[in-house]
C-alpha cells in the first residue's frame, strides 16, 4: 500500500515545517497555521505538521525510531551537508544519512534499493 500521510505533532508548527522545507525541499500543499501545515511528499502523500495539544506527550528524546525518505545519491549528500551545517547530523551508512529534526525525531535520507537487495 502506498503512503497516504505522516502526521507529526509539535509545539512549533512553523519552525518544524521550515526545517523539513529547508532540509528535504518539501513544498507546502495546505497551510492552516498555527494549527497545521502540510508538505507534499510526492505521489499524493503528505507530511502533516500539526500542533501538539497541552499535556500531549512529545517525541521521545534519543529514540532510534526512524522515518526515512527515498532519495538519490546527490540528494543524500546534500542533505548530509545541510544536517552538518544545522548541527542535526546523526551519522550515516553507505546508503543512508541520519539526522534529527528540531523535536528530536530520527530521520534518514536513503538510497537503499529494496528491489535489488538480496537476503
PDB file of N, CA and C in Angstrom:
ATOM      1  N   UNK A   1       0.829  -1.180   0.000  1.00  0.00           N
ATOM      2  CA  UNK A   1       0.000   0.000   0.000  1.00  0.00           C
ATOM      3  C   UNK A   1       0.874   1.245   0.000  1.00  0.00           C
ATOM      4  N   UNK A   2       0.624   2.171  -0.869  1.00  0.00           N
ATOM      5  CA  UNK A   2       1.386   3.424  -0.881  1.00  0.00           C
ATOM      6  C   UNK A   2       1.066   4.281   0.348  1.00  0.00           C
ATOM      7  N   UNK A   3       2.016   5.097   0.721  1.00  0.00           N
ATOM      8  CA  UNK A   3       1.850   6.002   1.850  1.00  0.00           C
ATOM      9  C   UNK A   3       0.796   7.056   1.515  1.00  0.00           C
ATOM     10  N   UNK A   4      -0.091   7.327   2.458  1.00  0.00           N
ATOM     11  CA  UNK A   4      -1.086   8.389   2.323  1.00  0.00           C
ATOM     12  C   UNK A   4      -0.587   9.661   3.015  1.00  0.00           C
ATOM     13  N   UNK A   5      -0.263   9.562   4.319  1.00  0.00           N
ATOM     14  CA  UNK A   5       0.309  10.702   5.034  1.00  0.00           C
ATOM     15  C   UNK A   5       1.038  10.272   6.300  1.00  0.00           C
ATOM     16  N   UNK A   6       1.916  11.136   6.736  1.00  0.00           N
ATOM     17  CA  UNK A   6       2.559  11.036   8.037  1.00  0.00           C
ATOM     18  C   UNK A   6       2.107  12.268   8.808  1.00  0.00           C
ATOM     19  N   UNK A   7       1.813  12.130  10.086  1.00  0.00           N
ATOM     20  CA  UNK A   7       1.431  13.272  10.910  1.00  0.00           C
ATOM     21  C   UNK A   7       2.400  13.384  12.078  1.00  0.00           C
ATOM     22  N   UNK A   8       3.066  14.518  12.166  1.00  0.00           N
ATOM     23  CA  UNK A   8       4.000  14.790  13.253  1.00  0.00           C
ATOM     24  C   UNK A   8       3.432  15.915  14.099  1.00  0.00           C
ATOM     25  N   UNK A   9       3.460  15.736  15.403  1.00  0.00           N
ATOM     26  CA  UNK A   9       2.916  16.720  16.338  1.00  0.00           C
ATOM     27  C   UNK A   9       4.072  17.510  16.954  1.00  0.00           C
ATOM     28  N   UNK A  10       3.850  18.810  17.152  1.00  0.00           N
ATOM     29  CA  UNK A  10       4.914  19.687  17.627  1.00  0.00           C
ATOM     30  C   UNK A  10       4.329  20.896  18.338  1.00  0.00           C
ATOM     31  N   UNK A  11       5.165  21.574  19.119  1.00  0.00           N
ATOM     32  CA  UNK A  11       4.749  22.839  19.715  1.00  0.00           C
ATOM     33  C   UNK A  11       5.086  24.020  18.802  1.00  0.00           C
ATOM     34  N   UNK A  12       5.823  23.780  17.719  1.00  0.00           N
ATOM     35  CA  UNK A  12       6.234  24.842  16.796  1.00  0.00           C
ATOM     36  C   UNK A  12       5.978  24.408  15.349  1.00  0.00           C
ATOM     37  N   UNK A  13       4.736  24.546  14.916  1.00  0.00           N
ATOM     38  CA  UNK A  13       4.346  24.111  13.562  1.00  0.00           C
ATOM     39  C   UNK A  13       5.187  24.800  12.499  1.00  0.00           C
ATOM     40  N   UNK A  14       5.267  26.124  12.552  1.00  0.00           N
ATOM     41  CA  UNK A  14       6.007  26.869  11.520  1.00  0.00           C
ATOM     42  C   UNK A  14       7.487  26.500  11.521  1.00  0.00           C
ATOM     43  N   UNK A  15       8.091  26.384  12.701  1.00  0.00           N
ATOM     44  CA  UNK A  15       9.511  26.055  12.788  1.00  0.00           C
ATOM     45  C   UNK A  15       9.822  24.661  12.283  1.00  0.00           C
ATOM     46  N   UNK A  16       8.994  23.680  12.655  1.00  0.00           N
ATOM     47  CA  UNK A  16       9.241  22.306  12.213  1.00  0.00           C
ATOM     48  C   UNK A  16       9.029  22.191  10.705  1.00  0.00           C
ATOM     49  N   UNK A  17       7.984  22.851  10.193  1.00  0.00           N
ATOM     50  CA  UNK A  17       7.747  22.829   8.748  1.00  0.00           C
ATOM     51  C   UNK A  17       8.907  23.487   7.998  1.00  0.00           C
ATOM     52  N   UNK A  18       9.430  24.578   8.542  1.00  0.00           N
ATOM     53  CA  UNK A  18      10.568  25.252   7.900  1.00  0.00           C
ATOM     54  C   UNK A  18      11.771  24.318   7.818  1.00  0.00           C
ATOM     55  N   UNK A  19      12.002  23.521   8.846  1.00  0.00           N
ATOM     56  CA  UNK A  19      13.101  22.552   8.836  1.00  0.00           C
ATOM     57  C   UNK A  19      12.928  21.552   7.694  1.00  0.00           C
ATOM     58  N   UNK A  20      11.754  20.948   7.566  1.00  0.00           N
ATOM     59  CA  UNK A  20      11.521  19.955   6.515  1.00  0.00           C
ATOM     60  C   UNK A  20      11.578  20.587   5.125  1.00  0.00           C
ATOM     61  N   UNK A  21      11.169  21.824   5.022  1.00  0.00           N
ATOM     62  CA  UNK A  21      11.267  22.525   3.737  1.00  0.00           C
ATOM     63  C   UNK A  21      12.728  22.768   3.379  1.00  0.00           C
ATOM     64  N   UNK A  22      13.508  23.254   4.350  1.00  0.00           N
ATOM     65  CA  UNK A  22      14.915  23.576   4.084  1.00  0.00           C
ATOM     66  C   UNK A  22      15.756  22.335   3.813  1.00  0.00           C
ATOM     67  N   UNK A  23      15.613  21.327   4.645  1.00  0.00           N
ATOM     68  CA  UNK A  23      16.487  20.158   4.542  1.00  0.00           C
ATOM     69  C   UNK A  23      16.061  19.220   3.413  1.00  0.00           C
ATOM     70  N   UNK A  24      14.774  18.957   3.293  1.00  0.00           N
ATOM     71  CA  UNK A  24      14.297  17.973   2.316  1.00  0.00           C
ATOM     72  C   UNK A  24      13.671  18.602   1.072  1.00  0.00           C
ATOM     73  N   UNK A  25      13.376  19.885   1.104  1.00  0.00           N
ATOM     74  CA  UNK A  25      12.793  20.559  -0.054  1.00  0.00           C
ATOM     75  C   UNK A  25      11.310  20.308  -0.241  1.00  0.00           C
ATOM     76  N   UNK A  26      10.611  19.847   0.794  1.00  0.00           N
ATOM     77  CA  UNK A  26       9.177  19.587   0.679  1.00  0.00           C
ATOM     78  C   UNK A  26       8.418  20.912   0.575  1.00  0.00           C
ATOM     79  N   UNK A  27       7.503  20.994  -0.367  1.00  0.00           N
ATOM     80  CA  UNK A  27       6.739  22.218  -0.597  1.00  0.00           C
ATOM     81  C   UNK A  27       5.387  22.163   0.110  1.00  0.00           C
ATOM     82  N   UNK A  28       4.925  23.305   0.621  1.00  0.00           N
ATOM     83  CA  UNK A  28       3.610  23.343   1.273  1.00  0.00           C
ATOM     84  C   UNK A  28       2.490  23.033   0.281  1.00  0.00           C
ATOM     85  N   UNK A  29       1.512  22.262   0.736  1.00  0.00           N
ATOM     86  CA  UNK A  29       0.326  21.994  -0.083  1.00  0.00           C
ATOM     87  C   UNK A  29      -0.946  22.474   0.608  1.00  0.00           C
ATOM     88  N   UNK A  30      -0.862  22.716   1.924  1.00  0.00           N
ATOM     89  CA  UNK A  30      -2.008  23.258   2.668  1.00  0.00           C
ATOM     90  C   UNK A  30      -1.458  23.923   3.923  1.00  0.00           C
ATOM     91  N   UNK A  31      -1.875  25.172   4.136  1.00  0.00           N
ATOM     92  CA  UNK A  31      -1.400  25.886   5.312  1.00  0.00           C
ATOM     93  C   UNK A  31      -2.578  26.370   6.136  1.00  0.00           C
ATOM     94  N   UNK A  32      -2.588  25.980   7.384  1.00  0.00           N
ATOM     95  CA  UNK A  32      -3.612  26.414   8.331  1.00  0.00           C
ATOM     96  C   UNK A  32      -2.926  26.727   9.661  1.00  0.00           C
ATOM     97  N   UNK A  33      -1.813  27.485   9.573  1.00  0.00           N
ATOM     98  CA  UNK A  33      -1.066  27.822  10.787  1.00  0.00           C
ATOM     99  C   UNK A  33      -1.911  28.760  11.636  1.00  0.00           C
ATOM    100  N   UNK A  34      -1.800  28.668  12.933  1.00  0.00           N
ATOM    101  CA  UNK A  34      -0.780  27.945  13.684  1.00  0.00           C
ATOM    102  C   UNK A  34      -1.140  26.478  13.965  1.00  0.00           C
ATOM    103  N   UNK A  35      -2.298  26.001  13.494  1.00  0.00           N
ATOM    104  CA  UNK A  35      -2.741  24.644  13.806  1.00  0.00           C
ATOM    105  C   UNK A  35      -2.033  23.570  13.008  1.00  0.00           C
ATOM    106  N   UNK A  36      -1.813  23.782  11.708  1.00  0.00           N
ATOM    107  CA  UNK A  36      -1.171  22.753  10.894  1.00  0.00           C
ATOM    108  C   UNK A  36      -0.605  23.332   9.604  1.00  0.00           C
ATOM    109  N   UNK A  37       0.326  22.576   9.038  1.00  0.00           N
ATOM    110  CA  UNK A  37       0.893  22.894   7.736  1.00  0.00           C
ATOM    111  C   UNK A  37       1.242  21.569   7.088  1.00  0.00           C
ATOM    112  N   UNK A  38       0.772  21.354   5.869  1.00  0.00           N
ATOM    113  CA  UNK A  38       1.012  20.095   5.173  1.00  0.00           C
ATOM    114  C   UNK A  38       2.038  20.307   4.078  1.00  0.00           C
ATOM    115  N   UNK A  39       2.967  19.361   3.979  1.00  0.00           N
ATOM    116  CA  UNK A  39       4.020  19.411   2.970  1.00  0.00           C
ATOM    117  C   UNK A  39       3.894  18.207   2.046  1.00  0.00           C
ATOM    118  N   UNK A  40       4.035  18.427   0.753  1.00  0.00           N
ATOM    119  CA  UNK A  40       3.928  17.353  -0.223  1.00  0.00           C
ATOM    120  C   UNK A  40       5.146  16.454  -0.218  1.00  0.00           C
ATOM    121  N   UNK A  41       4.894  15.139  -0.217  1.00  0.00           N
ATOM    122  CA  UNK A  41       5.963  14.143  -0.266  1.00  0.00           C
ATOM    123  C   UNK A  41       6.099  13.513  -1.645  1.00  0.00           C
ATOM    124  N   UNK A  42       5.204  13.835  -2.553  1.00  0.00           N
ATOM    125  CA  UNK A  42       5.177  13.205  -3.865  1.00  0.00           C
ATOM    126  C   UNK A  42       4.203  12.046  -3.885  1.00  0.00           C
ATOM    127  N   UNK A  43       3.710  11.725  -5.050  1.00  0.00           N
ATOM    128  CA  UNK A  43       2.783  10.609  -5.194  1.00  0.00           C
ATOM    129  C   UNK A  43       1.466  10.813  -4.461  1.00  0.00           C
ATOM    130  N   UNK A  44       1.133  12.057  -4.163  1.00  0.00           N
ATOM    131  CA  UNK A  44      -0.112  12.360  -3.463  1.00  0.00           C
ATOM    132  C   UNK A  44      -0.016  12.261  -1.948  1.00  0.00           C
ATOM    133  N   UNK A  45       1.113  11.828  -1.417  1.00  0.00           N
ATOM    134  CA  UNK A  45       1.285  11.703   0.034  1.00  0.00           C
ATOM    135  C   UNK A  45       1.701  13.050   0.631  1.00  0.00           C
ATOM    136  N   UNK A  46       1.342  13.260   1.899  1.00  0.00           N
ATOM    137  CA  UNK A  46       1.709  14.497   2.571  1.00  0.00           C
ATOM    138  C   UNK A  46       2.299  14.225   3.948  1.00  0.00           C
ATOM    139  N   UNK A  47       3.103  15.183   4.386  1.00  0.00           N
ATOM    140  CA  UNK A  47       3.634  15.213   5.743  1.00  0.00           C
ATOM    141  C   UNK A  47       2.845  16.298   6.461  1.00  0.00           C
ATOM    142  N   UNK A  48       2.028  15.898   7.434  1.00  0.00           N
ATOM    143  CA  UNK A  48       1.215  16.841   8.190  1.00  0.00           C
ATOM    144  C   UNK A  48       1.977  17.249   9.445  1.00  0.00           C
ATOM    145  N   UNK A  49       2.285  18.524   9.552  1.00  0.00           N
ATOM    146  CA  UNK A  49       2.895  19.073  10.754  1.00  0.00           C
ATOM    147  C   UNK A  49       1.742  19.694  11.535  1.00  0.00           C
ATOM    148  N   UNK A  50       1.465  19.168  12.722  1.00  0.00           N
ATOM    149  CA  UNK A  50       0.288  19.584  13.476  1.00  0.00           C
ATOM    150  C   UNK A  50       0.667  20.047  14.878  1.00  0.00           C
ATOM    151  N   UNK A  51      -0.123  20.983  15.410  1.00  0.00           N
ATOM    152  CA  UNK A  51       0.106  21.492  16.757  1.00  0.00           C
ATOM    153  C   UNK A  51      -0.197  20.413  17.788  1.00  0.00           C
ATOM    154  N   UNK A  52       0.729  20.248  18.707  1.00  0.00           N
ATOM    155  CA  UNK A  52       0.555  19.308  19.806  1.00  0.00           C
ATOM    156  C   UNK A  52      -0.285  19.983  20.885  1.00  0.00           C
ATOM    157  N   UNK A  53      -1.232  19.254  21.432  1.00  0.00           N
ATOM    158  CA  UNK A  53      -2.099  19.779  22.485  1.00  0.00           C
ATOM    159  C   UNK A  53      -1.350  19.850  23.817  1.00  0.00           C
ATOM    160  N   UNK A  54      -1.803  20.727  24.693  1.00  0.00           N
ATOM    161  CA  UNK A  54      -1.220  20.817  26.040  1.00  0.00           C
ATOM    162  C   UNK A  54      -1.347  19.462  26.724  1.00  0.00           C
ATOM    163  N   UNK A  55      -0.267  19.007  27.316  1.00  0.00           N
ATOM    164  CA  UNK A  55      -0.279  17.728  28.012  1.00  0.00           C
ATOM    165  C   UNK A  55      -0.020  16.525  27.129  1.00  0.00           C
ATOM    166  N   UNK A  56       0.012  16.725  25.824  1.00  0.00           N
ATOM    167  CA  UNK A  56       0.283  15.620  24.886  1.00  0.00           C
ATOM    168  C   UNK A  56       1.771  15.274  24.942  1.00  0.00           C
ATOM    169  N   UNK A  57       2.087  14.005  24.949  1.00  0.00           N
ATOM    170  CA  UNK A  57       3.473  13.538  25.020  1.00  0.00           C
ATOM    171  C   UNK A  57       4.256  13.946  23.776  1.00  0.00           C
ATOM    172  N   UNK A  58       5.471  14.428  23.997  1.00  0.00           N
ATOM    173  CA  UNK A  58       6.368  14.804  22.898  1.00  0.00           C
ATOM    174  C   UNK A  58       7.092  13.570  22.378  1.00  0.00           C
ATOM    175  N   UNK A  59       7.764  13.733  21.247  1.00  0.00           N
ATOM    176  CA  UNK A  59       8.604  12.662  20.707  1.00  0.00           C
ATOM    177  C   UNK A  59       9.667  12.309  21.750  1.00  0.00           C
ATOM    178  N   UNK A  60       9.961  11.028  21.891  1.00  0.00           N
ATOM    179  CA  UNK A  60      10.933  10.575  22.890  1.00  0.00           C
ATOM    180  C   UNK A  60      12.344  11.000  22.492  1.00  0.00           C
ATOM    181  N   UNK A  61      13.025  11.778  23.329  1.00  0.00           N
ATOM    182  CA  UNK A  61      14.393  12.202  23.006  1.00  0.00           C
ATOM    183  C   UNK A  61      15.329  10.996  22.861  1.00  0.00           C
ATOM    184  N   UNK A  62      16.154  11.026  21.827  1.00  0.00           N
ATOM    185  CA  UNK A  62      17.129   9.964  21.625  1.00  0.00           C
ATOM    186  C   UNK A  62      16.561   8.667  21.077  1.00  0.00           C
ATOM    187  N   UNK A  63      15.265   8.647  20.766  1.00  0.00           N
ATOM    188  CA  UNK A  63      14.660   7.428  20.228  1.00  0.00           C
ATOM    189  C   UNK A  63      15.342   7.032  18.927  1.00  0.00           C
ATOM    190  N   UNK A  64      15.448   5.735  18.703  1.00  0.00           N
ATOM    191  CA  UNK A  64      16.032   5.236  17.460  1.00  0.00           C
ATOM    192  C   UNK A  64      14.959   4.900  16.428  1.00  0.00           C
ATOM    193  N   UNK A  65      13.685   5.197  16.746  1.00  0.00           N
ATOM    194  CA  UNK A  65      12.656   5.053  15.721  1.00  0.00           C
ATOM    195  C   UNK A  65      13.042   5.965  14.570  1.00  0.00           C
ATOM    196  N   UNK A  66      12.596   5.637  13.366  1.00  0.00           N
ATOM    197  CA  UNK A  66      13.123   6.320  12.190  1.00  0.00           C
ATOM    198  C   UNK A  66      12.056   6.531  11.133  1.00  0.00           C
ATOM    199  N   UNK A  67      12.103   7.694  10.521  1.00  0.00           N
ATOM    200  CA  UNK A  67      11.368   7.975   9.291  1.00  0.00           C
ATOM    201  C   UNK A  67      12.450   8.196   8.239  1.00  0.00           C
ATOM    202  N   UNK A  68      12.456   7.384   7.177  1.00  0.00           N
ATOM    203  CA  UNK A  68      13.471   7.522   6.122  1.00  0.00           C
ATOM    204  C   UNK A  68      12.799   7.837   4.797  1.00  0.00           C
ATOM    205  N   UNK A  69      13.346   8.807   4.097  1.00  0.00           N
ATOM    206  CA  UNK A  69      12.837   9.222   2.795  1.00  0.00           C
ATOM    207  C   UNK A  69      13.772   8.702   1.705  1.00  0.00           C
ATOM    208  N   UNK A  70      13.174   8.204   0.610  1.00  0.00           N
ATOM    209  CA  UNK A  70      13.950   7.702  -0.524  1.00  0.00           C
ATOM    210  C   UNK A  70      14.511   8.893  -1.298  1.00  0.00           C
ATOM    211  N   UNK A  71      15.826   8.866  -1.552  1.00  0.00           N
ATOM    212  CA  UNK A  71      16.495   9.928  -2.289  1.00  0.00           C
ATOM    213  C   UNK A  71      17.534   9.326  -3.226  1.00  0.00           C
ATOM    214  N   UNK A  72      18.069  10.146  -4.122  1.00  0.00           N
ATOM    215  CA  UNK A  72      19.196   9.692  -4.945  1.00  0.00           C
ATOM    216  C   UNK A  72      20.498  10.068  -4.221  1.00  0.00           C
ATOM    217  N   UNK A  73      21.634   9.601  -4.741  1.00  0.00           N
ATOM    218  CA  UNK A  73      22.927   9.826  -4.075  1.00  0.00           C
ATOM    219  C   UNK A  73      23.257  11.308  -3.904  1.00  0.00           C
ATOM    220  N   UNK A  74      22.991  12.095  -4.937  1.00  0.00           N
ATOM    221  CA  UNK A  74      23.284  13.527  -4.875  1.00  0.00           C
ATOM    222  C   UNK A  74      22.460  14.209  -3.775  1.00  0.00           C
ATOM    223  N   UNK A  75      21.192  13.860  -3.688  1.00  0.00           N
ATOM    224  CA  UNK A  75      20.332  14.441  -2.660  1.00  0.00           C
ATOM    225  C   UNK A  75      20.757  13.972  -1.276  1.00  0.00           C
ATOM    226  N   UNK A  76      21.144  12.712  -1.149  1.00  0.00           N
ATOM    227  CA  UNK A  76      21.620  12.204   0.129  1.00  0.00           C
ATOM    228  C   UNK A  76      22.831  13.013   0.604  1.00  0.00           C
ATOM    229  N   UNK A  77      23.766  13.268  -0.299  1.00  0.00           N
ATOM    230  CA  UNK A  77      24.959  14.036   0.051  1.00  0.00           C
ATOM    231  C   UNK A  77      24.589  15.464   0.439  1.00  0.00           C
ATOM    232  N   UNK A  78      23.675  16.069  -0.281  1.00  0.00           N
ATOM    233  CA  UNK A  78      23.228  17.430   0.011  1.00  0.00           C
ATOM    234  C   UNK A  78      22.564  17.509   1.384  1.00  0.00           C
ATOM    235  N   UNK A  79      21.718  16.534   1.697  1.00  0.00           N
ATOM    236  CA  UNK A  79      21.055  16.507   3.000  1.00  0.00           C
ATOM    237  C   UNK A  79      22.084  16.300   4.103  1.00  0.00           C
ATOM    238  N   UNK A  80      23.071  15.464   3.863  1.00  0.00           N
ATOM    239  CA  UNK A  80      24.140  15.270   4.837  1.00  0.00           C
ATOM    240  C   UNK A  80      24.885  16.568   5.124  1.00  0.00           C
ATOM    241  N   UNK A  81      25.187  17.336   4.068  1.00  0.00           N
ATOM    242  CA  UNK A  81      25.864  18.627   4.248  1.00  0.00           C
ATOM    243  C   UNK A  81      24.990  19.589   5.058  1.00  0.00           C
ATOM    244  N   UNK A  82      23.705  19.657   4.703  1.00  0.00           N
ATOM    245  CA  UNK A  82      22.794  20.550   5.430  1.00  0.00           C
ATOM    246  C   UNK A  82      22.677  20.137   6.889  1.00  0.00           C
ATOM    247  N   UNK A  83      22.594  18.838   7.134  1.00  0.00           N
ATOM    248  CA  UNK A  83      22.470  18.350   8.508  1.00  0.00           C
ATOM    249  C   UNK A  83      23.697  18.740   9.330  1.00  0.00           C
ATOM    250  N   UNK A  84      24.877  18.628   8.738  1.00  0.00           N
ATOM    251  CA  UNK A  84      26.097  19.023   9.451  1.00  0.00           C
ATOM    252  C   UNK A  84      26.084  20.525   9.735  1.00  0.00           C
ATOM    253  N   UNK A  85      25.695  21.319   8.727  1.00  0.00           N
ATOM    254  CA  UNK A  85      25.634  22.775   8.901  1.00  0.00           C
ATOM    255  C   UNK A  85      24.662  23.164  10.007  1.00  0.00           C
ATOM    256  N   UNK A  86      23.530  22.470  10.084  1.00  0.00           N
ATOM    257  CA  UNK A  86      22.498  22.787  11.073  1.00  0.00           C
ATOM    258  C   UNK A  86      22.748  22.146  12.438  1.00  0.00           C
ATOM    259  N   UNK A  87      23.778  21.286  12.514  1.00  0.00           N
ATOM    260  CA  UNK A  87      24.103  20.638  13.777  1.00  0.00           C
ATOM    261  C   UNK A  87      23.136  19.537  14.170  1.00  0.00           C
ATOM    262  N   UNK A  88      22.468  18.931  13.177  1.00  0.00           N
ATOM    263  CA  UNK A  88      21.499  17.866  13.473  1.00  0.00           C
ATOM    264  C   UNK A  88      21.891  16.532  12.845  1.00  0.00           C
ATOM    265  N   UNK A  89      23.124  16.434  12.355  1.00  0.00           N
ATOM    266  CA  UNK A  89      23.663  15.208  11.761  1.00  0.00           C
ATOM    267  C   UNK A  89      23.725  14.115  12.821  1.00  0.00           C
ATOM    268  N   UNK A  90      23.326  12.889  12.456  1.00  0.00           N
ATOM    269  CA  UNK A  90      23.273  11.786  13.423  1.00  0.00           C
ATOM    270  C   UNK A  90      23.934  10.518  12.882  1.00  0.00           C
ATOM    271  N   UNK A  91      24.873  10.665  11.944  1.00  0.00           N
ATOM    272  CA  UNK A  91      25.606   9.524  11.417  1.00  0.00           C
ATOM    273  C   UNK A  91      25.180   9.125  10.025  1.00  0.00           C
ATOM    274  N   UNK A  92      25.850   8.100   9.486  1.00  0.00           N
ATOM    275  CA  UNK A  92      25.485   7.606   8.160  1.00  0.00           C
ATOM    276  C   UNK A  92      26.052   6.216   7.925  1.00  0.00           C
ATOM    277  N   UNK A  93      25.467   5.565   6.916  1.00  0.00           N
ATOM    278  CA  UNK A  93      25.957   4.288   6.414  1.00  0.00           C
ATOM    279  C   UNK A  93      26.239   4.491   4.930  1.00  0.00           C
ATOM    280  N   UNK A  94      26.563   3.426   4.229  1.00  0.00           N
ATOM    281  CA  UNK A  94      26.811   3.542   2.791  1.00  0.00           C
ATOM    282  C   UNK A  94      25.561   3.989   2.036  1.00  0.00           C
ATOM    283  N   UNK A  95      24.387   3.727   2.583  1.00  0.00           N
ATOM    284  CA  UNK A  95      23.136   4.012   1.871  1.00  0.00           C
ATOM    285  C   UNK A  95      22.282   5.106   2.485  1.00  0.00           C
ATOM    286  N   UNK A  96      22.539   5.490   3.735  1.00  0.00           N
ATOM    287  CA  UNK A  96      21.629   6.396   4.436  1.00  0.00           C
ATOM    288  C   UNK A  96      22.390   7.401   5.283  1.00  0.00           C
ATOM    289  N   UNK A  97      21.955   8.660   5.215  1.00  0.00           N
ATOM    290  CA  UNK A  97      22.439   9.677   6.140  1.00  0.00           C
ATOM    291  C   UNK A  97      21.324   9.900   7.163  1.00  0.00           C
ATOM    292  N   UNK A  98      21.726  10.006   8.434  1.00  0.00           N
ATOM    293  CA  UNK A  98      20.768  10.153   9.528  1.00  0.00           C
ATOM    294  C   UNK A  98      20.873  11.548  10.137  1.00  0.00           C
ATOM    295  N   UNK A  99      19.758  12.058  10.593  1.00  0.00           N
ATOM    296  CA  UNK A  99      19.716  13.363  11.226  1.00  0.00           C
ATOM    297  C   UNK A  99      18.534  13.413  12.188  1.00  0.00           C
ATOM    298  N   UNK A 100      18.461  14.480  12.962  1.00  0.00           N
ATOM    299  CA  UNK A 100      17.378  14.682  13.927  1.00  0.00           C
ATOM    300  C   UNK A 100      16.645  15.973  13.574  1.00  0.00           C
ATOM    301  N   UNK A 101      15.303  15.918  13.628  1.00  0.00           N
ATOM    302  CA  UNK A 101      14.557  17.152  13.402  1.00  0.00           C
ATOM    303  C   UNK A 101      14.573  17.975  14.690  1.00  0.00           C
ATOM    304  N   UNK A 102      14.075  19.215  14.668  1.00  0.00           N
ATOM    305  CA  UNK A 102      14.131  20.062  15.872  1.00  0.00           C
ATOM    306  C   UNK A 102      13.438  19.472  17.099  1.00  0.00           C
ATOM    307  N   UNK A 103      12.515  18.542  16.908  1.00  0.00           N
ATOM    308  CA  UNK A 103      11.839  17.890  18.028  1.00  0.00           C
ATOM    309  C   UNK A 103      12.543  16.604  18.458  1.00  0.00           C
ATOM    310  N   UNK A 104      13.660  16.278  17.805  1.00  0.00           N
ATOM    311  CA  UNK A 104      14.455  15.119  18.186  1.00  0.00           C
ATOM    312  C   UNK A 104      14.132  13.826  17.456  1.00  0.00           C
ATOM    313  N   UNK A 105      13.191  13.859  16.501  1.00  0.00           N
ATOM    314  CA  UNK A 105      12.882  12.646  15.738  1.00  0.00           C
ATOM    315  C   UNK A 105      14.064  12.275  14.858  1.00  0.00           C
ATOM    316  N   UNK A 106      14.341  10.973  14.758  1.00  0.00           N
ATOM    317  CA  UNK A 106      15.426  10.484  13.906  1.00  0.00           C
ATOM    318  C   UNK A 106      14.896  10.321  12.490  1.00  0.00           C
ATOM    319  N   UNK A 107      15.612  10.873  11.540  1.00  0.00           N
ATOM    320  CA  UNK A 107      15.231  10.843  10.130  1.00  0.00           C
ATOM    321  C   UNK A 107      16.360  10.238   9.322  1.00  0.00           C
ATOM    322  N   UNK A 108      16.008   9.754   8.134  1.00  0.00           N
ATOM    323  CA  UNK A 108      17.008   9.247   7.215  1.00  0.00           C
ATOM    324  C   UNK A 108      16.723   9.708   5.805  1.00  0.00           C
ATOM    325  N   UNK A 109      17.781   9.874   5.042  1.00  0.00           N
ATOM    326  CA  UNK A 109      17.700  10.114   3.605  1.00  0.00           C
ATOM    327  C   UNK A 109      18.451   8.943   2.996  1.00  0.00           C
ATOM    328  N   UNK A 110      17.716   8.029   2.348  1.00  0.00           N
ATOM    329  CA  UNK A 110      18.295   6.741   1.981  1.00  0.00           C
ATOM    330  C   UNK A 110      18.221   6.444   0.492  1.00  0.00           C
ATOM    331  N   UNK A 111      19.305   5.843  -0.009  1.00  0.00           N
ATOM    332  CA  UNK A 111      19.367   5.394  -1.397  1.00  0.00           C
ATOM    333  C   UNK A 111      19.183   3.884  -1.501  1.00  0.00           C
ATOM    334  N   UNK A 112      19.001   3.214  -0.363  1.00  0.00           N
ATOM    335  CA  UNK A 112      18.921   1.746  -0.361  1.00  0.00           C
ATOM    336  C   UNK A 112      17.793   1.268  -1.272  1.00  0.00           C
ATOM    337  N   UNK A 113      18.095   0.341  -2.155  1.00  0.00           N
ATOM    338  CA  UNK A 113      17.125  -0.206  -3.118  1.00  0.00           C
ATOM    339  C   UNK A 113      16.674  -1.577  -2.673  1.00  0.00           C
ATOM    340  N   UNK A 114      15.471  -1.647  -2.106  1.00  0.00           N
ATOM    341  CA  UNK A 114      14.939  -2.931  -1.626  1.00  0.00           C
ATOM    342  C   UNK A 114      14.769  -3.932  -2.762  1.00  0.00           C
ATOM    343  N   UNK A 115      14.436  -3.451  -3.954  1.00  0.00           N
ATOM    344  CA  UNK A 115      14.173  -4.337  -5.084  1.00  0.00           C
ATOM    345  C   UNK A 115      15.414  -5.127  -5.506  1.00  0.00           C
ATOM    346  N   UNK A 116      16.588  -4.535  -5.368  1.00  0.00           N
ATOM    347  CA  UNK A 116      17.802  -5.230  -5.801  1.00  0.00           C
ATOM    348  C   UNK A 116      18.575  -5.854  -4.633  1.00  0.00           C
ATOM    349  N   UNK A 117      18.038  -5.738  -3.427  1.00  0.00           N
ATOM    350  CA  UNK A 117      18.711  -6.302  -2.264  1.00  0.00           C
ATOM    351  C   UNK A 117      18.543  -7.821  -2.234  1.00  0.00           C
ATOM    352  N   UNK A 118      19.581  -8.502  -1.800  1.00  0.00           N
ATOM    353  CA  UNK A 118      19.483  -9.964  -1.645  1.00  0.00           C
ATOM    354  C   UNK A 118      19.421 -10.293  -0.156  1.00  0.00           C
ATOM    355  N   UNK A 119      18.840 -11.422   0.148  1.00  0.00           N
ATOM    356  CA  UNK A 119      18.687 -11.803   1.557  1.00  0.00           C
ATOM    357  C   UNK A 119      19.961 -12.190   2.189  1.00  0.00           C
TER     358      UNK A 119
END
